[in-house]
Protein backbone atom coordinates (compact mmCIF):
# COMPACT_ATOMS: atom_id res chain seq x y z
CA MET A 1 5.66 86.76 -4.06
CA HIS A 2 2.60 85.42 -1.98
CA SER A 3 1.17 83.56 -4.93
CA ALA A 4 4.27 81.76 -6.31
CA LEU A 5 5.26 80.35 -2.26
CA HIS A 6 1.37 79.25 -2.34
CA HIS A 7 2.16 77.76 -5.63
CA LYS A 8 5.29 75.67 -4.80
CA ASP A 9 3.29 74.57 -1.68
CA SER A 10 1.13 73.63 -4.09
CA LEU A 11 3.46 70.98 -5.68
CA ASN A 12 5.22 69.50 -2.71
CA TYR A 13 1.29 68.77 -1.68
CA ARG A 14 0.86 67.13 -5.27
CA ASP A 15 4.09 65.42 -4.69
CA THR A 16 3.11 63.75 -1.99
CA PRO A 17 1.20 60.29 -1.82
CA THR A 18 -2.36 60.78 -0.35
CA THR A 19 -3.53 58.23 1.77
CA THR A 20 -5.68 56.69 -1.12
CA GLN A 21 -2.97 56.26 -3.46
CA LEU A 22 -1.13 54.10 -0.39
CA ARG A 23 -3.85 52.00 0.17
CA ASP A 24 -4.93 51.02 -3.14
CA LYS A 25 -1.30 51.00 -3.65
CA LEU A 26 -1.20 47.95 -0.75
CA LEU A 27 -4.92 46.83 -1.64
CA ILE A 28 -2.24 45.86 -5.46
CA ALA A 29 1.06 44.15 -3.53
CA VAL A 30 -1.81 41.99 -1.38
CA LEU A 31 -3.87 40.72 -4.45
CA MET A 32 0.13 39.94 -6.21
CA LEU A 33 0.82 37.67 -2.99
CA ILE A 34 -2.19 36.22 -2.83
CA LEU A 35 -2.29 35.47 -6.58
CA SER A 36 1.00 34.28 -6.89
CA ALA A 37 0.57 32.08 -3.30
CA CYS A 38 -2.76 30.28 -5.41
CA ARG A 39 -0.50 29.44 -9.39
CA PRO A 40 -0.05 25.69 -8.90
CA GLN A 41 3.69 25.09 -8.28
CA PRO A 42 5.48 22.85 -10.90
CA ALA A 43 5.72 19.09 -10.49
CA PRO A 44 9.16 18.13 -8.00
CA THR A 45 12.18 17.09 -10.74
CA LEU A 46 12.36 13.68 -9.71
CA PRO A 47 15.86 12.12 -10.65
CA ALA A 48 16.70 10.30 -13.95
CA GLU A 49 17.65 6.96 -11.43
CA LEU A 50 14.25 6.45 -10.68
CA ILE A 51 12.29 6.94 -13.77
CA GLY A 52 10.72 4.03 -16.08
CA THR A 53 9.28 0.97 -14.84
CA TRP A 54 10.17 -1.48 -12.19
CA HIS A 55 9.28 -5.35 -11.41
CA THR A 56 10.54 -7.78 -8.32
CA ASP A 57 10.40 -11.61 -9.16
CA HIS A 58 8.82 -11.78 -5.51
CA PRO A 59 6.42 -14.64 -6.22
CA LYS A 60 3.82 -11.87 -4.65
CA TYR A 61 3.92 -9.58 -7.24
CA ALA A 62 4.82 -11.50 -10.22
CA GLY A 63 3.55 -9.69 -13.36
CA LEU A 64 2.89 -6.46 -11.23
CA TYR A 65 4.86 -2.93 -12.09
CA PHE A 66 5.45 0.15 -10.19
CA LYS A 67 6.14 2.94 -13.24
CA VAL A 68 7.66 6.42 -11.96
CA SER A 69 7.58 8.91 -14.35
CA PRO A 70 8.43 12.84 -14.19
CA ASP A 71 5.07 13.90 -12.60
CA SER A 72 3.45 10.90 -11.38
CA PHE A 73 4.07 7.27 -9.93
CA ALA A 74 1.76 4.07 -10.44
CA PHE A 75 0.93 0.45 -8.98
CA SER A 76 -0.10 -1.94 -11.35
CA THR A 77 -2.85 -4.63 -9.29
CA PRO A 78 -3.69 -8.15 -9.07
CA ASP A 79 -7.03 -7.87 -10.35
CA GLY A 80 -5.91 -5.12 -14.09
CA ALA A 81 -6.00 -1.96 -12.19
CA VAL A 82 -3.81 0.69 -12.85
CA ASP A 83 -3.99 3.24 -9.20
CA VAL A 84 -2.05 6.50 -10.70
CA TYR A 85 -0.69 9.38 -8.00
CA ALA A 86 0.24 13.01 -9.42
CA LEU A 87 3.58 13.05 -7.32
CA THR A 88 3.73 16.70 -4.97
CA LYS A 89 6.11 16.52 -3.36
CA TYR A 90 9.22 14.96 -3.31
CA GLU A 91 12.35 14.34 -0.77
CA LEU A 92 16.03 12.94 -0.76
CA VAL A 93 17.31 11.30 2.63
CA GLU A 94 20.53 10.14 2.29
CA SER A 95 21.84 8.05 5.89
CA THR A 96 24.26 5.85 7.31
CA VAL A 97 23.45 1.95 7.74
CA ARG A 98 26.11 -0.78 8.53
CA LYS A 99 28.90 2.16 7.69
CA ARG A 100 26.96 1.74 4.23
CA LYS A 101 25.87 5.24 2.86
CA VAL A 102 21.73 4.98 1.81
CA THR A 103 19.96 6.75 -0.05
CA THR A 104 16.12 7.59 0.53
CA HIS A 105 13.80 8.64 -2.44
CA VAL A 106 10.84 9.88 -0.69
CA LEU A 107 7.54 10.05 -3.22
CA HIS A 108 4.68 12.05 -1.89
CA GLY A 109 1.51 12.01 -4.55
CA THR A 110 -2.52 12.13 -5.07
CA SER A 111 -5.30 10.35 -6.82
CA PRO A 112 -8.56 11.51 -6.22
CA GLY A 113 -9.72 10.54 -2.86
CA GLN A 114 -6.20 9.39 -1.83
CA GLU A 115 -2.99 9.72 -0.91
CA ALA A 116 0.28 8.44 -0.69
CA LYS A 117 3.83 8.43 0.78
CA ILE A 118 6.29 6.45 -0.59
CA SER A 119 10.19 5.66 0.37
CA LEU A 120 11.83 3.45 -2.22
CA ALA A 121 16.11 2.89 -0.68
CA TYR A 122 17.62 3.13 -3.64
CA GLU A 123 21.34 1.12 -4.41
CA PRO A 124 22.91 1.93 -7.71
CA SER A 125 24.73 -1.46 -8.26
CA GLY A 126 23.60 -3.35 -11.57
CA GLY A 127 21.85 -0.94 -13.12
CA GLY A 128 19.50 0.45 -10.18
CA VAL A 129 16.99 -1.88 -7.49
CA PHE A 130 15.05 -0.36 -5.21
CA ARG A 131 13.37 -1.52 -1.71
CA LEU A 132 10.03 -0.31 -0.40
CA SER A 133 10.42 1.03 2.77
CA SER A 134 7.37 -1.36 4.09
CA GLN A 135 9.04 -4.38 2.59
CA ALA A 136 12.87 -4.14 2.50
CA ASN A 137 13.31 -8.33 1.63
CA ILE A 138 11.16 -7.63 -1.70
CA VAL A 139 14.10 -5.95 -4.39
CA TRP A 140 12.75 -4.36 -7.80
CA SER A 141 14.84 -3.49 -10.72
CA ARG A 142 14.41 -0.94 -13.38
CA ARG A 143 13.32 -2.21 -16.97
CA MET A 144 13.26 0.48 -19.48
CA ASP A 145 10.42 1.48 -20.95
CA ARG A 146 10.17 0.36 -24.41
């Protein structure tokens, strides 16, 4: 009888996790958490109304454009270059100005050595136009990419 009891106690002892097993499980859980945090995050989803190439009739920006694609945005420059920023974050801000609803799209992006934050006050009328928050008097309209 004594040996049967001893054998039963031994089984219970083996069923109980050891300190080493608990430590190993904790280590694996922590490593999985770290790896999931380091995983590249998908680009934010932009609304279709922003996607396209935007132009303005303002003389200061004649011949220049602002382009928005699902994962980046770009500005053409007077010297013929194009500054491209990978989209890292997107925010939608809705407010009311003079009893009018204003939708502002905030695009955050990075380019080697640079960061950009662009706020676009969007108006859906006439096929859609936007104004940069920093240049409210200049209207940009979209022309579909061909």
